[in-house]
Amino acid sequence: MREIEESGMKFLVDESKLFYIEKSSLYRRLNGKSVSSVEFVELLPKGRIVFVEAKPDAPKDASEFSSKIRKKVSHSLQMCFSMLHEIVDDSPEEMPIAMREALQNQPRFRAIVVVKDLAVEHCVILQNYLNIKLEALCHIWKMDILVFNEERARKRKMIA
């Protein structure tokens, strides 16, 4: 297991199922070119590919927050497929073989936003808001979006 520290939380991720996109050579090269990324991408059982974004606290402006999440998830998805199909010169070996195979075989997508300091009742409100604001992305990719606080992420064994 690899420990990834983001927004004051320690995520536990199976190294063989991790694409640490935020630290990838592709993202480092594109970072200054208006490209955003989630923290990391993880392959879960049954071929589900999860885009994980972490935030330290509740958003001040929900509209701006949803725009940033949409951009990060959309760009991360595009970078995954760009690497998979070797459209860019970056090494596809940075992405685990199992994830590359899942991306080629009717993948199922999910985005999880973990907000460290967020009340449980606000998780539901923010999750519903993000699903509305990211509706097109969700429909195009058959993606669902979940919002967890630190406590819920810990219960799901995402963080230490």
N, C-alpha and C. Protein backbone atom coordinates (compact mmCIF):
# COMPACT_ATOMS: atom_id res chain seq x y z
N MET A 1 0.84 -1.18 0.00
CA MET A 1 0.00 0.00 0.00
C MET A 1 0.88 1.25 0.00
N ARG A 2 0.43 2.21 -0.74
CA ARG A 2 1.14 3.48 -0.78
C ARG A 2 0.32 4.52 -0.04
N GLU A 3 0.99 5.36 0.69
CA GLU A 3 0.34 6.43 1.43
C GLU A 3 0.54 7.73 0.65
N ILE A 4 -0.56 8.39 0.35
CA ILE A 4 -0.52 9.66 -0.38
C ILE A 4 -1.13 10.73 0.52
N GLU A 5 -0.34 11.74 0.85
CA GLU A 5 -0.83 12.79 1.71
C GLU A 5 -1.34 13.96 0.87
N GLU A 6 -2.61 14.28 1.07
CA GLU A 6 -3.25 15.38 0.35
C GLU A 6 -4.24 16.07 1.28
N SER A 7 -4.23 17.37 1.31
CA SER A 7 -5.19 18.18 2.07
C SER A 7 -5.32 17.74 3.52
N GLY A 8 -4.20 17.36 4.11
CA GLY A 8 -4.19 16.98 5.52
C GLY A 8 -4.71 15.59 5.80
N MET A 9 -4.86 14.77 4.76
CA MET A 9 -5.34 13.39 4.93
C MET A 9 -4.34 12.44 4.29
N LYS A 10 -4.25 11.23 4.82
CA LYS A 10 -3.35 10.22 4.29
C LYS A 10 -4.17 9.13 3.60
N PHE A 11 -4.14 9.13 2.28
CA PHE A 11 -4.88 8.14 1.50
C PHE A 11 -4.05 6.87 1.39
N LEU A 12 -4.71 5.73 1.48
CA LEU A 12 -4.06 4.43 1.35
C LEU A 12 -4.48 3.81 0.03
N VAL A 13 -3.51 3.58 -0.86
CA VAL A 13 -3.81 3.11 -2.21
C VAL A 13 -2.90 1.94 -2.57
N ASP A 14 -3.48 0.92 -3.15
CA ASP A 14 -2.72 -0.22 -3.64
C ASP A 14 -1.83 0.27 -4.79
N GLU A 15 -0.54 0.21 -4.58
CA GLU A 15 0.43 0.73 -5.56
C GLU A 15 0.23 0.14 -6.96
N SER A 16 -0.15 -1.13 -7.03
CA SER A 16 -0.32 -1.79 -8.33
C SER A 16 -1.58 -1.32 -9.06
N LYS A 17 -2.45 -0.58 -8.36
CA LYS A 17 -3.70 -0.10 -8.96
C LYS A 17 -3.76 1.42 -8.98
N LEU A 18 -2.62 2.06 -8.78
CA LEU A 18 -2.53 3.51 -8.67
C LEU A 18 -1.90 4.14 -9.90
N PHE A 19 -2.55 5.17 -10.41
CA PHE A 19 -1.95 6.06 -11.39
C PHE A 19 -1.90 7.42 -10.69
N TYR A 20 -0.72 7.79 -10.23
CA TYR A 20 -0.54 9.03 -9.50
C TYR A 20 -0.41 10.15 -10.52
N ILE A 21 -1.53 10.49 -11.10
CA ILE A 21 -1.59 11.39 -12.25
C ILE A 21 -1.00 12.76 -11.93
N GLU A 22 -1.21 13.23 -10.72
CA GLU A 22 -0.72 14.56 -10.35
C GLU A 22 0.82 14.60 -10.34
N LYS A 23 1.46 13.44 -10.19
CA LYS A 23 2.92 13.37 -10.20
C LYS A 23 3.46 12.78 -11.50
N SER A 24 2.60 12.54 -12.47
CA SER A 24 3.03 11.91 -13.73
C SER A 24 3.84 12.88 -14.59
N SER A 25 4.66 12.34 -15.46
CA SER A 25 5.46 13.18 -16.36
C SER A 25 4.55 13.98 -17.30
N LEU A 26 3.45 13.39 -17.72
CA LEU A 26 2.51 14.09 -18.61
C LEU A 26 1.93 15.32 -17.91
N TYR A 27 1.45 15.15 -16.70
CA TYR A 27 0.87 16.29 -15.99
C TYR A 27 1.93 17.34 -15.69
N ARG A 28 3.10 16.92 -15.27
CA ARG A 28 4.17 17.90 -15.00
C ARG A 28 4.48 18.72 -16.23
N ARG A 29 4.44 18.09 -17.40
CA ARG A 29 4.72 18.79 -18.65
C ARG A 29 3.59 19.74 -19.04
N LEU A 30 2.34 19.35 -18.76
CA LEU A 30 1.18 20.13 -19.18
C LEU A 30 0.68 21.11 -18.12
N ASN A 31 1.18 21.00 -16.91
CA ASN A 31 0.66 21.77 -15.79
C ASN A 31 0.62 23.27 -16.06
N GLY A 32 1.57 23.83 -16.71
CA GLY A 32 1.61 25.27 -16.99
C GLY A 32 0.78 25.68 -18.20
N LYS A 33 0.05 24.74 -18.78
CA LYS A 33 -0.71 25.01 -20.00
C LYS A 33 -2.22 24.91 -19.76
N SER A 34 -2.68 25.42 -18.63
CA SER A 34 -4.10 25.44 -18.26
C SER A 34 -4.70 24.04 -18.08
N VAL A 35 -3.87 23.05 -17.80
CA VAL A 35 -4.35 21.69 -17.58
C VAL A 35 -4.39 21.43 -16.08
N SER A 36 -5.49 20.84 -15.64
CA SER A 36 -5.67 20.50 -14.23
C SER A 36 -5.76 18.99 -14.08
N SER A 37 -5.62 18.53 -12.85
CA SER A 37 -5.70 17.09 -12.61
C SER A 37 -6.24 16.83 -11.22
N VAL A 38 -6.86 15.66 -11.06
CA VAL A 38 -7.23 15.19 -9.72
C VAL A 38 -5.94 14.75 -9.04
N GLU A 39 -6.03 14.35 -7.78
CA GLU A 39 -4.83 13.91 -7.06
C GLU A 39 -4.28 12.62 -7.66
N PHE A 40 -5.18 11.62 -7.79
CA PHE A 40 -4.75 10.33 -8.32
C PHE A 40 -5.95 9.58 -8.89
N VAL A 41 -5.64 8.54 -9.65
CA VAL A 41 -6.66 7.68 -10.25
C VAL A 41 -6.38 6.28 -9.72
N GLU A 42 -7.45 5.59 -9.30
CA GLU A 42 -7.29 4.26 -8.71
C GLU A 42 -8.21 3.27 -9.41
N LEU A 43 -7.70 2.08 -9.64
CA LEU A 43 -8.50 1.00 -10.20
C LEU A 43 -9.05 0.16 -9.05
N LEU A 44 -10.38 0.05 -9.01
CA LEU A 44 -11.04 -0.75 -7.99
C LEU A 44 -11.53 -2.06 -8.61
N PRO A 45 -12.02 -2.98 -7.78
CA PRO A 45 -12.54 -4.24 -8.32
C PRO A 45 -13.63 -4.00 -9.38
N LYS A 46 -13.80 -4.99 -10.23
CA LYS A 46 -14.77 -4.96 -11.32
C LYS A 46 -14.48 -3.88 -12.35
N GLY A 47 -13.23 -3.46 -12.44
CA GLY A 47 -12.83 -2.51 -13.47
C GLY A 47 -13.30 -1.09 -13.27
N ARG A 48 -13.73 -0.72 -12.06
CA ARG A 48 -14.16 0.66 -11.81
C ARG A 48 -12.93 1.54 -11.66
N ILE A 49 -12.91 2.62 -12.40
CA ILE A 49 -11.80 3.57 -12.36
C ILE A 49 -12.29 4.81 -11.61
N VAL A 50 -11.56 5.15 -10.54
CA VAL A 50 -11.99 6.22 -9.64
C VAL A 50 -10.99 7.37 -9.69
N PHE A 51 -11.52 8.57 -9.92
CA PHE A 51 -10.75 9.80 -9.93
C PHE A 51 -10.94 10.44 -8.56
N VAL A 52 -9.86 10.62 -7.80
CA VAL A 52 -9.95 11.11 -6.43
C VAL A 52 -9.38 12.52 -6.33
N GLU A 53 -10.19 13.40 -5.77
CA GLU A 53 -9.79 14.79 -5.51
C GLU A 53 -9.97 15.05 -4.02
N ALA A 54 -9.01 15.70 -3.40
CA ALA A 54 -9.06 16.00 -1.96
C ALA A 54 -9.04 17.51 -1.74
N LYS A 55 -9.82 17.93 -0.77
CA LYS A 55 -9.89 19.35 -0.40
C LYS A 55 -9.85 19.45 1.11
N PRO A 56 -9.22 20.49 1.66
CA PRO A 56 -9.12 20.61 3.11
C PRO A 56 -10.42 21.05 3.79
N ASP A 57 -11.22 21.87 3.09
CA ASP A 57 -12.44 22.36 3.73
C ASP A 57 -13.53 22.65 2.70
N ALA A 58 -14.67 23.02 3.21
CA ALA A 58 -15.85 23.26 2.38
C ALA A 58 -15.60 24.42 1.41
N PRO A 59 -16.18 24.30 0.23
CA PRO A 59 -16.00 25.39 -0.75
C PRO A 59 -16.73 26.65 -0.31
N LYS A 60 -16.12 27.80 -0.59
CA LYS A 60 -16.76 29.09 -0.28
C LYS A 60 -17.79 29.41 -1.36
N ASP A 61 -17.45 29.08 -2.60
CA ASP A 61 -18.30 29.37 -3.75
C ASP A 61 -18.56 28.05 -4.49
N ALA A 62 -19.78 27.53 -4.36
CA ALA A 62 -20.11 26.22 -4.93
C ALA A 62 -19.98 26.20 -6.45
N SER A 63 -20.31 27.28 -7.10
CA SER A 63 -20.23 27.34 -8.57
C SER A 63 -18.77 27.24 -9.04
N GLU A 64 -17.91 28.03 -8.41
CA GLU A 64 -16.48 27.99 -8.75
C GLU A 64 -15.89 26.62 -8.43
N PHE A 65 -16.29 26.06 -7.30
CA PHE A 65 -15.82 24.74 -6.88
C PHE A 65 -16.21 23.68 -7.91
N SER A 66 -17.47 23.69 -8.35
CA SER A 66 -17.93 22.69 -9.32
C SER A 66 -17.20 22.85 -10.65
N SER A 67 -16.90 24.07 -11.05
CA SER A 67 -16.14 24.30 -12.29
C SER A 67 -14.75 23.71 -12.20
N LYS A 68 -14.11 23.88 -11.05
CA LYS A 68 -12.76 23.34 -10.85
C LYS A 68 -12.79 21.81 -10.84
N ILE A 69 -13.78 21.23 -10.18
CA ILE A 69 -13.88 19.77 -10.14
C ILE A 69 -14.14 19.23 -11.54
N ARG A 70 -15.04 19.86 -12.28
CA ARG A 70 -15.33 19.43 -13.65
C ARG A 70 -14.05 19.45 -14.50
N LYS A 71 -13.30 20.53 -14.40
CA LYS A 71 -12.06 20.66 -15.16
C LYS A 71 -11.05 19.59 -14.76
N LYS A 72 -10.87 19.37 -13.47
CA LYS A 72 -9.90 18.38 -13.00
C LYS A 72 -10.27 16.96 -13.44
N VAL A 73 -11.54 16.60 -13.30
CA VAL A 73 -11.96 15.25 -13.68
C VAL A 73 -11.89 15.08 -15.19
N SER A 74 -12.39 16.07 -15.92
CA SER A 74 -12.38 16.00 -17.39
C SER A 74 -10.96 15.92 -17.94
N HIS A 75 -10.08 16.77 -17.46
CA HIS A 75 -8.69 16.76 -17.93
C HIS A 75 -7.99 15.45 -17.55
N SER A 76 -8.26 14.95 -16.36
CA SER A 76 -7.64 13.69 -15.93
C SER A 76 -8.10 12.53 -16.81
N LEU A 77 -9.37 12.50 -17.12
CA LEU A 77 -9.92 11.47 -18.01
C LEU A 77 -9.27 11.55 -19.39
N GLN A 78 -9.15 12.75 -19.90
CA GLN A 78 -8.52 12.95 -21.21
C GLN A 78 -7.04 12.55 -21.19
N MET A 79 -6.33 12.88 -20.11
CA MET A 79 -4.92 12.50 -20.02
C MET A 79 -4.77 10.98 -19.97
N CYS A 80 -5.68 10.29 -19.26
CA CYS A 80 -5.61 8.83 -19.20
C CYS A 80 -5.74 8.22 -20.60
N PHE A 81 -6.71 8.67 -21.36
CA PHE A 81 -6.91 8.12 -22.69
C PHE A 81 -5.81 8.56 -23.65
N SER A 82 -5.28 9.76 -23.46
CA SER A 82 -4.17 10.23 -24.28
C SER A 82 -2.93 9.36 -24.07
N MET A 83 -2.67 9.00 -22.82
CA MET A 83 -1.54 8.10 -22.53
C MET A 83 -1.81 6.69 -23.04
N LEU A 84 -3.02 6.21 -22.81
CA LEU A 84 -3.39 4.86 -23.22
C LEU A 84 -3.16 4.66 -24.72
N HIS A 85 -3.56 5.63 -25.50
CA HIS A 85 -3.46 5.52 -26.96
C HIS A 85 -2.18 6.14 -27.51
N GLU A 86 -1.27 6.47 -26.59
CA GLU A 86 0.05 6.99 -26.95
C GLU A 86 -0.04 8.17 -27.90
N ILE A 87 -1.01 9.04 -27.64
CA ILE A 87 -1.15 10.28 -28.41
C ILE A 87 -0.06 11.25 -28.00
N VAL A 88 0.31 11.18 -26.75
CA VAL A 88 1.40 12.01 -26.23
C VAL A 88 2.65 11.14 -26.13
N ASP A 89 3.78 11.80 -26.01
CA ASP A 89 5.05 11.08 -25.98
C ASP A 89 5.39 10.49 -24.62
N ASP A 90 4.59 10.80 -23.62
CA ASP A 90 4.89 10.32 -22.27
C ASP A 90 4.70 8.81 -22.17
N SER A 91 5.41 8.24 -21.26
CA SER A 91 5.43 6.79 -21.10
C SER A 91 4.12 6.25 -20.53
N PRO A 92 3.45 5.35 -21.25
CA PRO A 92 2.23 4.76 -20.71
C PRO A 92 2.53 3.80 -19.55
N GLU A 93 3.81 3.47 -19.33
CA GLU A 93 4.16 2.55 -18.25
C GLU A 93 3.89 3.16 -16.88
N GLU A 94 3.73 4.49 -16.81
CA GLU A 94 3.41 5.12 -15.54
C GLU A 94 2.03 4.67 -15.05
N MET A 95 1.20 4.24 -15.98
CA MET A 95 -0.14 3.77 -15.65
C MET A 95 -0.10 2.26 -15.50
N PRO A 96 -0.64 1.72 -14.42
CA PRO A 96 -0.60 0.26 -14.23
C PRO A 96 -1.25 -0.50 -15.39
N ILE A 97 -0.70 -1.66 -15.71
CA ILE A 97 -1.21 -2.48 -16.81
C ILE A 97 -2.69 -2.79 -16.61
N ALA A 98 -3.07 -3.14 -15.38
CA ALA A 98 -4.48 -3.48 -15.11
C ALA A 98 -5.40 -2.30 -15.40
N MET A 99 -4.93 -1.08 -15.13
CA MET A 99 -5.75 0.10 -15.42
C MET A 99 -5.85 0.32 -16.92
N ARG A 100 -4.75 0.13 -17.64
CA ARG A 100 -4.79 0.28 -19.10
C ARG A 100 -5.77 -0.73 -19.70
N GLU A 101 -5.75 -1.95 -19.20
CA GLU A 101 -6.68 -2.97 -19.69
C GLU A 101 -8.12 -2.60 -19.37
N ALA A 102 -8.36 -2.08 -18.17
CA ALA A 102 -9.72 -1.67 -17.79
C ALA A 102 -10.22 -0.53 -18.68
N LEU A 103 -9.33 0.40 -19.01
CA LEU A 103 -9.72 1.52 -19.87
C LEU A 103 -10.10 1.05 -21.28
N GLN A 104 -9.58 -0.09 -21.69
CA GLN A 104 -9.88 -0.62 -23.02
C GLN A 104 -11.11 -1.52 -23.04
N ASN A 105 -11.66 -1.85 -21.88
CA ASN A 105 -12.75 -2.83 -21.80
C ASN A 105 -13.96 -2.29 -21.05
N GLN A 106 -14.66 -1.38 -21.65
CA GLN A 106 -15.88 -0.80 -21.08
C GLN A 106 -15.71 -0.42 -19.61
N PRO A 107 -14.84 0.55 -19.35
CA PRO A 107 -14.60 0.95 -17.97
C PRO A 107 -15.82 1.62 -17.34
N ARG A 108 -15.88 1.53 -16.03
CA ARG A 108 -16.92 2.22 -15.26
C ARG A 108 -16.19 3.28 -14.45
N PHE A 109 -16.70 4.51 -14.53
CA PHE A 109 -16.02 5.64 -13.91
C PHE A 109 -16.76 6.17 -12.69
N ARG A 110 -15.97 6.68 -11.76
CA ARG A 110 -16.51 7.35 -10.57
C ARG A 110 -15.52 8.45 -10.19
N ALA A 111 -16.06 9.56 -9.73
CA ALA A 111 -15.24 10.62 -9.16
C ALA A 111 -15.61 10.72 -7.69
N ILE A 112 -14.59 10.75 -6.84
CA ILE A 112 -14.82 10.91 -5.41
C ILE A 112 -14.08 12.16 -4.95
N VAL A 113 -14.83 13.07 -4.34
CA VAL A 113 -14.26 14.29 -3.78
C VAL A 113 -14.29 14.10 -2.26
N VAL A 114 -13.11 14.16 -1.65
CA VAL A 114 -13.03 14.02 -0.19
C VAL A 114 -12.69 15.39 0.39
N VAL A 115 -13.61 15.90 1.20
CA VAL A 115 -13.43 17.21 1.84
C VAL A 115 -13.21 16.96 3.32
N LYS A 116 -12.01 17.25 3.77
CA LYS A 116 -11.61 16.93 5.15
C LYS A 116 -12.60 17.45 6.18
N ASP A 117 -12.86 18.74 6.17
CA ASP A 117 -13.73 19.34 7.17
C ASP A 117 -15.07 19.72 6.54
N LEU A 118 -15.96 18.75 6.46
CA LEU A 118 -17.28 18.98 5.88
C LEU A 118 -18.29 18.16 6.68
N ALA A 119 -19.34 18.82 7.10
CA ALA A 119 -20.39 18.13 7.87
C ALA A 119 -21.06 17.09 6.98
N VAL A 120 -21.51 16.00 7.59
CA VAL A 120 -22.15 14.90 6.85
C VAL A 120 -23.31 15.41 6.00
N GLU A 121 -24.15 16.24 6.57
CA GLU A 121 -25.30 16.74 5.81
C GLU A 121 -24.89 17.59 4.61
N HIS A 122 -23.73 18.24 4.71
CA HIS A 122 -23.24 19.04 3.58
C HIS A 122 -22.64 18.16 2.48
N CYS A 123 -22.19 16.96 2.85
CA CYS A 123 -21.69 16.02 1.83
C CYS A 123 -22.79 15.71 0.82
N VAL A 124 -23.98 15.44 1.33
CA VAL A 124 -25.12 15.10 0.45
C VAL A 124 -25.49 16.29 -0.42
N ILE A 125 -25.54 17.47 0.17
CA ILE A 125 -25.89 18.69 -0.59
C ILE A 125 -24.86 18.94 -1.69
N LEU A 126 -23.58 18.87 -1.34
CA LEU A 126 -22.52 19.10 -2.32
C LEU A 126 -22.51 18.02 -3.40
N GLN A 127 -22.73 16.78 -3.00
CA GLN A 127 -22.78 15.67 -3.97
C GLN A 127 -23.91 15.89 -4.97
N ASN A 128 -25.08 16.24 -4.50
CA ASN A 128 -26.21 16.50 -5.40
C ASN A 128 -25.91 17.68 -6.33
N TYR A 129 -25.31 18.72 -5.79
CA TYR A 129 -24.96 19.89 -6.58
C TYR A 129 -23.95 19.53 -7.69
N LEU A 130 -22.91 18.78 -7.32
CA LEU A 130 -21.91 18.38 -8.31
C LEU A 130 -22.50 17.48 -9.40
N ASN A 131 -23.39 16.58 -9.01
CA ASN A 131 -24.03 15.72 -10.01
C ASN A 131 -24.87 16.52 -10.99
N ILE A 132 -25.48 17.61 -10.53
CA ILE A 132 -26.25 18.48 -11.43
C ILE A 132 -25.30 19.28 -12.31
N LYS A 133 -24.29 19.90 -11.72
CA LYS A 133 -23.38 20.76 -12.47
C LYS A 133 -22.47 19.98 -13.43
N LEU A 134 -22.21 18.72 -13.14
CA LEU A 134 -21.37 17.90 -14.00
C LEU A 134 -22.21 16.89 -14.77
N GLU A 135 -23.47 17.20 -14.97
CA GLU A 135 -24.42 16.28 -15.58
C GLU A 135 -23.95 15.77 -16.95
N ALA A 136 -23.49 16.65 -17.81
CA ALA A 136 -23.06 16.22 -19.15
C ALA A 136 -21.90 15.23 -19.05
N LEU A 137 -20.91 15.54 -18.24
CA LEU A 137 -19.76 14.65 -18.05
C LEU A 137 -20.22 13.30 -17.52
N CYS A 138 -21.14 13.33 -16.57
CA CYS A 138 -21.67 12.09 -15.98
C CYS A 138 -22.41 11.25 -17.01
N HIS A 139 -23.19 11.89 -17.87
CA HIS A 139 -23.95 11.15 -18.88
C HIS A 139 -23.04 10.61 -19.98
N ILE A 140 -22.11 11.42 -20.44
CA ILE A 140 -21.20 11.00 -21.52
C ILE A 140 -20.37 9.79 -21.10
N TRP A 141 -19.89 9.80 -19.86
CA TRP A 141 -18.97 8.76 -19.39
C TRP A 141 -19.64 7.77 -18.44
N LYS A 142 -20.95 7.89 -18.22
CA LYS A 142 -21.67 7.03 -17.27
C LYS A 142 -20.94 7.02 -15.93
N MET A 143 -20.63 8.22 -15.47
CA MET A 143 -19.85 8.42 -14.25
C MET A 143 -20.78 8.87 -13.13
N ASP A 144 -20.46 8.42 -11.93
CA ASP A 144 -21.17 8.97 -10.78
C ASP A 144 -20.16 9.71 -9.91
N ILE A 145 -20.68 10.64 -9.14
CA ILE A 145 -19.83 11.48 -8.30
C ILE A 145 -20.26 11.34 -6.86
N LEU A 146 -19.30 11.08 -6.00
CA LEU A 146 -19.56 10.94 -4.57
C LEU A 146 -18.75 11.99 -3.82
N VAL A 147 -19.29 12.47 -2.71
CA VAL A 147 -18.59 13.41 -1.84
C VAL A 147 -18.54 12.80 -0.45
N PHE A 148 -17.34 12.69 0.09
CA PHE A 148 -17.13 12.16 1.43
C PHE A 148 -16.44 13.20 2.29
N ASN A 149 -16.69 13.15 3.58
CA ASN A 149 -15.86 13.90 4.50
C ASN A 149 -14.78 12.95 5.02
N GLU A 150 -13.91 13.45 5.88
CA GLU A 150 -12.81 12.62 6.37
C GLU A 150 -13.31 11.37 7.09
N GLU A 151 -14.34 11.51 7.90
CA GLU A 151 -14.88 10.37 8.66
C GLU A 151 -15.41 9.28 7.72
N ARG A 152 -16.16 9.68 6.74
CA ARG A 152 -16.74 8.70 5.80
C ARG A 152 -15.65 8.04 4.95
N ALA A 153 -14.66 8.81 4.56
CA ALA A 153 -13.54 8.25 3.78
C ALA A 153 -12.76 7.24 4.63
N ARG A 154 -12.64 7.53 5.91
CA ARG A 154 -11.94 6.60 6.81
C ARG A 154 -12.74 5.30 6.96
N LYS A 155 -14.06 5.40 7.08
CA LYS A 155 -14.90 4.20 7.19
C LYS A 155 -14.81 3.34 5.93
N ARG A 156 -14.58 3.97 4.79
CA ARG A 156 -14.46 3.23 3.53
C ARG A 156 -13.02 2.80 3.29
N LYS A 157 -12.17 3.02 4.29
CA LYS A 157 -10.77 2.61 4.25
C LYS A 157 -9.97 3.29 3.13
N MET A 158 -10.40 4.51 2.76
CA MET A 158 -9.66 5.29 1.78
C MET A 158 -8.48 6.01 2.43
N ILE A 159 -8.66 6.40 3.69
CA ILE A 159 -7.62 7.12 4.39
C ILE A 159 -7.29 6.46 5.72
N ALA A 160 -6.08 6.75 6.20
CA ALA A 160 -5.61 6.17 7.47
C ALA A 160 -6.20 6.93 8.64
